[in-house]
PDB file of all heavy atoms in Angstrom:
ATOM      1  N   PHE A   1       9.017   3.145 -21.738  1.00  0.00           N
ATOM      2  CA  PHE A   1      10.240   3.909 -21.208  1.00  0.00           C
ATOM      3  C   PHE A   1       9.810   4.396 -19.825  1.00  0.00           C
ATOM      4  O   PHE A   1      10.543   4.440 -18.903  1.00  0.00           O
ATOM      5  CB  PHE A   1      10.702   4.947 -21.991  1.00  0.00           C
ATOM      6  CG  PHE A   1      11.431   4.487 -23.309  1.00  0.00           C
ATOM      7  CD1 PHE A   1      11.134   4.921 -24.613  1.00  0.00           C
ATOM      8  CD2 PHE A   1      12.451   3.543 -23.193  1.00  0.00           C
ATOM      9  CE1 PHE A   1      11.820   4.424 -25.763  1.00  0.00           C
ATOM     10  CE2 PHE A   1      13.196   3.045 -24.276  1.00  0.00           C
ATOM     11  CZ  PHE A   1      12.891   3.472 -25.525  1.00  0.00           C
ATOM     12  N   LYS A   2       8.625   4.947 -19.687  1.00  0.00           N
ATOM     13  CA  LYS A   2       8.178   5.418 -18.424  1.00  0.00           C
ATOM     14  C   LYS A   2       7.992   4.325 -17.351  1.00  0.00           C
ATOM     15  O   LYS A   2       8.342   4.570 -16.193  1.00  0.00           O
ATOM     16  CB  LYS A   2       6.821   6.237 -18.570  1.00  0.00           C
ATOM     17  CG  LYS A   2       6.926   7.438 -19.369  1.00  0.00           C
ATOM     18  CD  LYS A   2       5.544   8.024 -19.841  1.00  0.00           C
ATOM     19  CE  LYS A   2       5.724   9.224 -20.737  1.00  0.00           C
ATOM     20  NZ  LYS A   2       4.472   9.751 -21.277  1.00  0.00           N
ATOM     21  N   ILE A   3       7.575   3.200 -17.848  1.00  0.00           N
ATOM     22  CA  ILE A   3       7.433   2.023 -16.900  1.00  0.00           C
ATOM     23  C   ILE A   3       8.777   1.614 -16.401  1.00  0.00           C
ATOM     24  O   ILE A   3       8.966   1.379 -15.242  1.00  0.00           O
ATOM     25  CB  ILE A   3       6.700   0.861 -17.629  1.00  0.00           C
ATOM     26  CG1 ILE A   3       5.150   1.193 -17.823  1.00  0.00           C
ATOM     27  CG2 ILE A   3       6.941  -0.448 -16.971  1.00  0.00           C
ATOM     28  CD1 ILE A   3       4.351   0.225 -18.525  1.00  0.00           C
ATOM     29  N   LEU A   4       9.767   1.705 -17.296  1.00  0.00           N
ATOM     30  CA  LEU A   4      11.112   1.301 -16.920  1.00  0.00           C
ATOM     31  C   LEU A   4      11.703   2.330 -15.792  1.00  0.00           C
ATOM     32  O   LEU A   4      12.293   1.921 -14.861  1.00  0.00           O
ATOM     33  CB  LEU A   4      11.973   1.349 -18.038  1.00  0.00           C
ATOM     34  CG  LEU A   4      11.875   0.116 -19.057  1.00  0.00           C
ATOM     35  CD1 LEU A   4      12.763   0.236 -20.285  1.00  0.00           C
ATOM     36  CD2 LEU A   4      12.042  -1.235 -18.411  1.00  0.00           C
ATOM     37  N   VAL A   5      11.328   3.509 -15.938  1.00  0.00           N
ATOM     38  CA  VAL A   5      11.614   4.534 -14.926  1.00  0.00           C
ATOM     39  C   VAL A   5      10.955   4.212 -13.583  1.00  0.00           C
ATOM     40  O   VAL A   5      11.576   4.358 -12.537  1.00  0.00           O
ATOM     41  CB  VAL A   5      11.188   6.010 -15.377  1.00  0.00           C
ATOM     42  CG1 VAL A   5      11.336   6.905 -14.326  1.00  0.00           C
ATOM     43  CG2 VAL A   5      12.113   6.386 -16.618  1.00  0.00           C
ATOM     44  N   SER A   6       9.768   3.804 -13.750  1.00  0.00           N
ATOM     45  CA  SER A   6       9.022   3.344 -12.482  1.00  0.00           C
ATOM     46  C   SER A   6       9.630   2.180 -11.795  1.00  0.00           C
ATOM     47  O   SER A   6       9.520   2.010 -10.580  1.00  0.00           O
ATOM     48  CB  SER A   6       7.537   3.086 -12.784  1.00  0.00           C
ATOM     49  OG  SER A   6       6.846   4.223 -13.212  1.00  0.00           O
ATOM     50  N   CYS A   7      10.232   1.294 -12.616  1.00  0.00           N
ATOM     51  CA  CYS A   7      10.924   0.134 -12.090  1.00  0.00           C
ATOM     52  C   CYS A   7      12.177   0.330 -11.310  1.00  0.00           C
ATOM     53  O   CYS A   7      12.534  -0.571 -10.478  1.00  0.00           O
ATOM     54  CB  CYS A   7      11.072  -0.932 -13.196  1.00  0.00           C
ATOM     55  SG  CYS A   7       9.551  -1.610 -13.925  1.00  0.00           S
ATOM     56  N   VAL A   8      12.824   1.429 -11.680  1.00  0.00           N
ATOM     57  CA  VAL A   8      14.227   1.572 -11.161  1.00  0.00           C
ATOM     58  C   VAL A   8      14.323   1.553  -9.604  1.00  0.00           C
ATOM     59  O   VAL A   8      15.120   0.825  -9.066  1.00  0.00           O
ATOM     60  CB  VAL A   8      14.847   2.812 -11.724  1.00  0.00           C
ATOM     61  CG1 VAL A   8      16.157   3.227 -11.072  1.00  0.00           C
ATOM     62  CG2 VAL A   8      15.023   2.763 -13.217  1.00  0.00           C
ATOM     63  N   PRO A   9      13.539   2.358  -8.913  1.00  0.00           N
ATOM     64  CA  PRO A   9      13.700   2.299  -7.430  1.00  0.00           C
ATOM     65  C   PRO A   9      13.513   0.936  -6.793  1.00  0.00           C
ATOM     66  O   PRO A   9      14.268   0.580  -5.964  1.00  0.00           O
ATOM     67  CB  PRO A   9      12.615   3.326  -7.003  1.00  0.00           C
ATOM     68  CG  PRO A   9      12.369   4.219  -8.205  1.00  0.00           C
ATOM     69  CD  PRO A   9      12.456   3.287  -9.318  1.00  0.00           C
ATOM     70  N   ALA A  10      12.394   0.217  -7.197  1.00  0.00           N
ATOM     71  CA  ALA A  10      12.184  -1.070  -6.552  1.00  0.00           C
ATOM     72  C   ALA A  10      13.152  -2.151  -7.034  1.00  0.00           C
ATOM     73  O   ALA A  10      13.549  -2.914  -6.241  1.00  0.00           O
ATOM     74  CB  ALA A  10      10.798  -1.534  -6.933  1.00  0.00           C
ATOM     75  N   ALA A  11      13.732  -2.021  -8.322  1.00  0.00           N
ATOM     76  CA  ALA A  11      14.739  -2.866  -8.690  1.00  0.00           C
ATOM     77  C   ALA A  11      16.016  -2.763  -8.005  1.00  0.00           C
ATOM     78  O   ALA A  11      16.598  -3.806  -7.462  1.00  0.00           O
ATOM     79  CB  ALA A  11      15.016  -2.695 -10.317  1.00  0.00           C
ATOM     80  N   ILE A  12      16.393  -1.539  -7.599  1.00  0.00           N
ATOM     81  CA  ILE A  12      17.604  -1.378  -6.849  1.00  0.00           C
ATOM     82  C   ILE A  12      17.429  -1.942  -5.406  1.00  0.00           C
ATOM     83  O   ILE A  12      18.287  -2.628  -4.886  1.00  0.00           O
ATOM     84  CB  ILE A  12      18.003   0.162  -6.835  1.00  0.00           C
ATOM     85  CG1 ILE A  12      18.351   0.533  -8.207  1.00  0.00           C
ATOM     86  CG2 ILE A  12      19.059   0.389  -5.838  1.00  0.00           C
ATOM     87  CD1 ILE A  12      18.580   2.110  -8.367  1.00  0.00           C
ATOM     88  N   ILE A  13      16.292  -1.529  -4.828  1.00  0.00           N
ATOM     89  CA  ILE A  13      16.038  -1.986  -3.474  1.00  0.00           C
ATOM     90  C   ILE A  13      15.936  -3.549  -3.424  1.00  0.00           C
ATOM     91  O   ILE A  13      16.502  -4.197  -2.502  1.00  0.00           O
ATOM     92  CB  ILE A  13      14.808  -1.358  -2.971  1.00  0.00           C
ATOM     93  CG1 ILE A  13      14.959   0.136  -2.817  1.00  0.00           C
ATOM     94  CG2 ILE A  13      14.353  -2.053  -1.691  1.00  0.00           C
ATOM     95  CD1 ILE A  13      16.042   0.546  -1.747  1.00  0.00           C
ATOM     96  N   GLY A  14      15.188  -4.087  -4.396  1.00  0.00           N
ATOM     97  CA  GLY A  14      15.015  -5.545  -4.423  1.00  0.00           C
ATOM     98  C   GLY A  14      16.297  -6.340  -4.558  1.00  0.00           C
ATOM     99  O   GLY A  14      16.551  -7.333  -3.810  1.00  0.00           O
ATOM    100  N   VAL A  15      17.167  -5.955  -5.479  1.00  0.00           N
ATOM    101  CA  VAL A  15      18.364  -6.638  -5.629  1.00  0.00           C
ATOM    102  C   VAL A  15      19.330  -6.546  -4.408  1.00  0.00           C
ATOM    103  O   VAL A  15      19.989  -7.498  -4.000  1.00  0.00           O
ATOM    104  CB  VAL A  15      19.101  -6.121  -6.966  1.00  0.00           C
ATOM    105  CG1 VAL A  15      20.513  -6.636  -7.033  1.00  0.00           C
ATOM    106  CG2 VAL A  15      18.322  -6.395  -8.176  1.00  0.00           C
ATOM    107  N   LEU A  16      19.384  -5.420  -3.883  1.00  0.00           N
ATOM    108  CA  LEU A  16      20.402  -5.122  -2.759  1.00  0.00           C
ATOM    109  C   LEU A  16      19.913  -5.768  -1.438  1.00  0.00           C
ATOM    110  O   LEU A  16      20.647  -6.121  -0.644  1.00  0.00           O
ATOM    111  CB  LEU A  16      20.606  -3.707  -2.644  1.00  0.00           C
ATOM    112  CG  LEU A  16      21.449  -3.077  -3.848  1.00  0.00           C
ATOM    113  CD1 LEU A  16      21.637  -1.569  -3.666  1.00  0.00           C
ATOM    114  CD2 LEU A  16      22.723  -3.726  -4.139  1.00  0.00           C
ATOM    115  N   PHE A  17      18.540  -5.574  -1.156  1.00  0.00           N
ATOM    116  CA  PHE A  17      18.007  -5.768   0.143  1.00  0.00           C
ATOM    117  C   PHE A  17      16.955  -6.788   0.271  1.00  0.00           C
ATOM    118  O   PHE A  17      16.249  -6.882   1.382  1.00  0.00           O
ATOM    119  CB  PHE A  17      17.641  -4.454   0.778  1.00  0.00           C
ATOM    120  CG  PHE A  17      18.760  -3.321   0.755  1.00  0.00           C
ATOM    121  CD1 PHE A  17      18.598  -2.269  -0.079  1.00  0.00           C
ATOM    122  CD2 PHE A  17      19.839  -3.468   1.674  1.00  0.00           C
ATOM    123  CE1 PHE A  17      19.559  -1.276  -0.168  1.00  0.00           C
ATOM    124  CE2 PHE A  17      20.809  -2.528   1.606  1.00  0.00           C
ATOM    125  CZ  PHE A  17      20.667  -1.424   0.760  1.00  0.00           C
ATOM    126  N   ASP A  18      16.653  -7.582  -0.773  1.00  0.00           N
ATOM    127  CA  ASP A  18      15.506  -8.536  -0.694  1.00  0.00           C
ATOM    128  C   ASP A  18      15.590  -9.392   0.532  1.00  0.00           C
ATOM    129  O   ASP A  18      14.562  -9.659   1.243  1.00  0.00           O
ATOM    130  CB  ASP A  18      15.494  -9.359  -1.985  1.00  0.00           C
ATOM    131  CG  ASP A  18      14.356 -10.316  -2.023  1.00  0.00           C
ATOM    132  OD1 ASP A  18      13.181  -9.842  -1.952  1.00  0.00           O
ATOM    133  OD2 ASP A  18      14.560 -11.411  -2.067  1.00  0.00           O
ATOM    134  N   ASP A  19      16.712 -10.087   0.734  1.00  0.00           N
ATOM    135  CA  ASP A  19      16.860 -11.028   1.890  1.00  0.00           C
ATOM    136  C   ASP A  19      16.711 -10.224   3.177  1.00  0.00           C
ATOM    137  O   ASP A  19      16.117 -10.845   4.193  1.00  0.00           O
ATOM    138  CB  ASP A  19      18.189 -11.682   1.812  1.00  0.00           C
ATOM    139  CG  ASP A  19      18.266 -12.675   0.647  1.00  0.00           C
ATOM    140  OD1 ASP A  19      17.260 -13.121   0.211  1.00  0.00           O
ATOM    141  OD2 ASP A  19      19.445 -12.934   0.211  1.00  0.00           O
ATOM    142  N   VAL A  20      17.294  -9.122   3.317  1.00  0.00           N
ATOM    143  CA  VAL A  20      17.175  -8.386   4.527  1.00  0.00           C
ATOM    144  C   VAL A  20      15.685  -7.988   4.946  1.00  0.00           C
ATOM    145  O   VAL A  20      15.274  -8.173   6.073  1.00  0.00           O
ATOM    146  CB  VAL A  20      17.862  -7.015   4.480  1.00  0.00           C
ATOM    147  CG1 VAL A  20      17.894  -6.197   5.717  1.00  0.00           C
ATOM    148  CG2 VAL A  20      19.367  -7.337   4.227  1.00  0.00           C
ATOM    149  N   PHE A  21      14.941  -7.506   3.926  1.00  0.00           N
ATOM    150  CA  PHE A  21      13.637  -7.180   4.188  1.00  0.00           C
ATOM    151  C   PHE A  21      12.781  -8.391   4.385  1.00  0.00           C
ATOM    152  O   PHE A  21      11.771  -8.372   5.334  1.00  0.00           O
ATOM    153  CB  PHE A  21      13.043  -6.381   2.951  1.00  0.00           C
ATOM    154  CG  PHE A  21      13.620  -5.118   2.668  1.00  0.00           C
ATOM    155  CD1 PHE A  21      13.946  -4.652   1.388  1.00  0.00           C
ATOM    156  CD2 PHE A  21      14.009  -4.250   3.794  1.00  0.00           C
ATOM    157  CE1 PHE A  21      14.440  -3.413   1.180  1.00  0.00           C
ATOM    158  CE2 PHE A  21      14.611  -3.068   3.704  1.00  0.00           C
ATOM    159  CZ  PHE A  21      14.897  -2.469   2.292  1.00  0.00           C
ATOM    160  N   ASN A  22      13.050  -9.396   3.872  1.00  0.00           N
ATOM    161  CA  ASN A  22      12.233 -10.697   4.089  1.00  0.00           C
ATOM    162  C   ASN A  22      12.495 -11.103   5.570  1.00  0.00           C
ATOM    163  O   ASN A  22      11.562 -11.567   6.221  1.00  0.00           O
ATOM    164  CB  ASN A  22      12.677 -11.904   3.127  1.00  0.00           C
ATOM    165  CG  ASN A  22      12.020 -11.792   1.765  1.00  0.00           C
ATOM    166  OD1 ASN A  22      11.056 -11.067   1.645  1.00  0.00           O
ATOM    167  ND2 ASN A  22      12.546 -12.549   0.871  1.00  0.00           N
ATOM    168  N   ARG A  23      13.741 -11.051   6.070  1.00  0.00           N
ATOM    169  CA  ARG A  23      14.041 -11.434   7.384  1.00  0.00           C
ATOM    170  C   ARG A  23      13.443 -10.450   8.409  1.00  0.00           C
ATOM    171  O   ARG A  23      12.986 -10.985   9.434  1.00  0.00           O
ATOM    172  CB  ARG A  23      15.621 -11.453   7.586  1.00  0.00           C
ATOM    173  CG  ARG A  23      15.962 -11.973   8.778  1.00  0.00           C
ATOM    174  CD  ARG A  23      17.469 -12.171   9.036  1.00  0.00           C
ATOM    175  NE  ARG A  23      18.282 -10.913   8.927  1.00  0.00           N
ATOM    176  CZ  ARG A  23      18.960 -10.495   7.839  1.00  0.00           C
ATOM    177  NH1 ARG A  23      18.926 -11.225   6.750  1.00  0.00           N
ATOM    178  NH2 ARG A  23      19.542  -9.365   7.853  1.00  0.00           N
ATOM    179  N   LEU A  24      13.429  -9.218   8.079  1.00  0.00           N
ATOM    180  CA  LEU A  24      12.952  -8.230   9.056  1.00  0.00           C
ATOM    181  C   LEU A  24      11.449  -8.048   9.058  1.00  0.00           C
ATOM    182  O   LEU A  24      10.816  -7.861  10.176  1.00  0.00           O
ATOM    183  CB  LEU A  24      13.544  -6.805   8.774  1.00  0.00           C
ATOM    184  CG  LEU A  24      15.037  -6.777   8.995  1.00  0.00           C
ATOM    185  CD1 LEU A  24      15.529  -5.337   8.618  1.00  0.00           C
ATOM    186  CD2 LEU A  24      15.430  -6.973  10.515  1.00  0.00           C
ATOM    187  N   PHE A  25      10.732  -8.126   7.883  1.00  0.00           N
ATOM    188  CA  PHE A  25       9.376  -7.707   7.748  1.00  0.00           C
ATOM    189  C   PHE A  25       8.378  -8.793   7.380  1.00  0.00           C
ATOM    190  O   PHE A  25       7.253  -8.576   7.401  1.00  0.00           O
ATOM    191  CB  PHE A  25       9.292  -6.483   6.756  1.00  0.00           C
ATOM    192  CG  PHE A  25      10.168  -5.319   7.152  1.00  0.00           C
ATOM    193  CD1 PHE A  25      11.028  -4.805   6.336  1.00  0.00           C
ATOM    194  CD2 PHE A  25       9.954  -4.742   8.446  1.00  0.00           C
ATOM    195  CE1 PHE A  25      11.902  -3.767   6.704  1.00  0.00           C
ATOM    196  CE2 PHE A  25      10.792  -3.649   8.768  1.00  0.00           C
ATOM    197  CZ  PHE A  25      11.624  -3.114   7.908  1.00  0.00           C
ATOM    198  N   TYR A  26       8.957  -9.904   6.889  1.00  0.00           N
ATOM    199  CA  TYR A  26       8.091 -11.058   6.562  1.00  0.00           C
ATOM    200  C   TYR A  26       7.501 -11.800   7.745  1.00  0.00           C
ATOM    201  O   TYR A  26       7.888 -12.929   8.069  1.00  0.00           O
ATOM    202  CB  TYR A  26       8.706 -11.975   5.567  1.00  0.00           C
ATOM    203  CG  TYR A  26       7.877 -12.725   4.677  1.00  0.00           C
ATOM    204  CD1 TYR A  26       7.428 -12.180   3.385  1.00  0.00           C
ATOM    205  CD2 TYR A  26       7.196 -13.914   5.080  1.00  0.00           C
ATOM    206  CE1 TYR A  26       6.552 -12.873   2.556  1.00  0.00           C
ATOM    207  CE2 TYR A  26       6.297 -14.538   4.297  1.00  0.00           C
ATOM    208  CZ  TYR A  26       6.058 -14.089   3.025  1.00  0.00           C
ATOM    209  OH  TYR A  26       5.150 -14.735   2.197  1.00  0.00           O
ATOM    210  N   ASN A  27       6.618 -11.097   8.507  1.00  0.00           N
ATOM    211  CA  ASN A  27       6.010 -11.734   9.617  1.00  0.00           C
ATOM    212  C   ASN A  27       4.598 -11.179   9.910  1.00  0.00           C
ATOM    213  O   ASN A  27       4.329 -10.153   9.199  1.00  0.00           O
ATOM    214  CB  ASN A  27       6.780 -11.377  10.958  1.00  0.00           C
ATOM    215  CG  ASN A  27       6.952  -9.957  11.154  1.00  0.00           C
ATOM    216  OD1 ASN A  27       5.999  -9.256  11.558  1.00  0.00           O
ATOM    217  ND2 ASN A  27       8.184  -9.315  10.825  1.00  0.00           N
ATOM    218  N   PRO A  28       3.675 -11.850  10.539  1.00  0.00           N
ATOM    219  CA  PRO A  28       2.317 -11.446  10.549  1.00  0.00           C
ATOM    220  C   PRO A  28       2.009 -10.126  11.065  1.00  0.00           C
ATOM    221  O   PRO A  28       1.106  -9.342  10.642  1.00  0.00           O
ATOM    222  CB  PRO A  28       1.767 -12.508  11.515  1.00  0.00           C
ATOM    223  CG  PRO A  28       2.606 -13.666  11.389  1.00  0.00           C
ATOM    224  CD  PRO A  28       3.940 -13.119  11.184  1.00  0.00           C
ATOM    225  N   VAL A  29       2.817  -9.582  12.024  1.00  0.00           N
ATOM    226  CA  VAL A  29       2.568  -8.227  12.511  1.00  0.00           C
ATOM    227  C   VAL A  29       2.847  -7.233  11.468  1.00  0.00           C
ATOM    228  O   VAL A  29       2.042  -6.251  11.408  1.00  0.00           O
ATOM    229  CB  VAL A  29       3.514  -7.982  13.849  1.00  0.00           C
ATOM    230  CG1 VAL A  29       3.280  -6.559  14.259  1.00  0.00           C
ATOM    231  CG2 VAL A  29       3.093  -8.923  15.029  1.00  0.00           C
ATOM    232  N   CYS A  30       3.937  -7.240  10.843  1.00  0.00           N
ATOM    233  CA  CYS A  30       4.300  -6.314   9.751  1.00  0.00           C
ATOM    234  C   CYS A  30       3.287  -6.357   8.674  1.00  0.00           C
ATOM    235  O   CYS A  30       2.911  -5.275   8.065  1.00  0.00           O
ATOM    236  CB  CYS A  30       5.701  -6.485   9.202  1.00  0.00           C
ATOM    237  SG  CYS A  30       6.927  -6.016  10.384  1.00  0.00           S
ATOM    238  N   VAL A  31       2.809  -7.556   8.219  1.00  0.00           N
ATOM    239  CA  VAL A  31       1.908  -7.693   7.131  1.00  0.00           C
ATOM    240  C   VAL A  31       0.542  -7.088   7.594  1.00  0.00           C
ATOM    241  O   VAL A  31      -0.026  -6.375   6.881  1.00  0.00           O
ATOM    242  CB  VAL A  31       1.647  -9.221   6.783  1.00  0.00           C
ATOM    243  CG1 VAL A  31       0.494  -9.396   5.938  1.00  0.00           C
ATOM    244  CG2 VAL A  31       2.880  -9.765   6.074  1.00  0.00           C
ATOM    245  N   ALA A  32       0.099  -7.366   8.928  1.00  0.00           N
ATOM    246  CA  ALA A  32      -1.101  -6.734   9.313  1.00  0.00           C
ATOM    247  C   ALA A  32      -1.077  -5.260   9.389  1.00  0.00           C
ATOM    248  O   ALA A  32      -2.071  -4.548   9.088  1.00  0.00           O
ATOM    249  CB  ALA A  32      -1.433  -7.320  10.661  1.00  0.00           C
TER     250      ALA A  32
END
């Protein structure tokens, strides 16, 4: 149950903005 609580923030962000974040931050400079 505690693990599920830990999952909530990332789950919301991932479902809503996954494509946006991939487009903005999936590049060598951001990774570095």
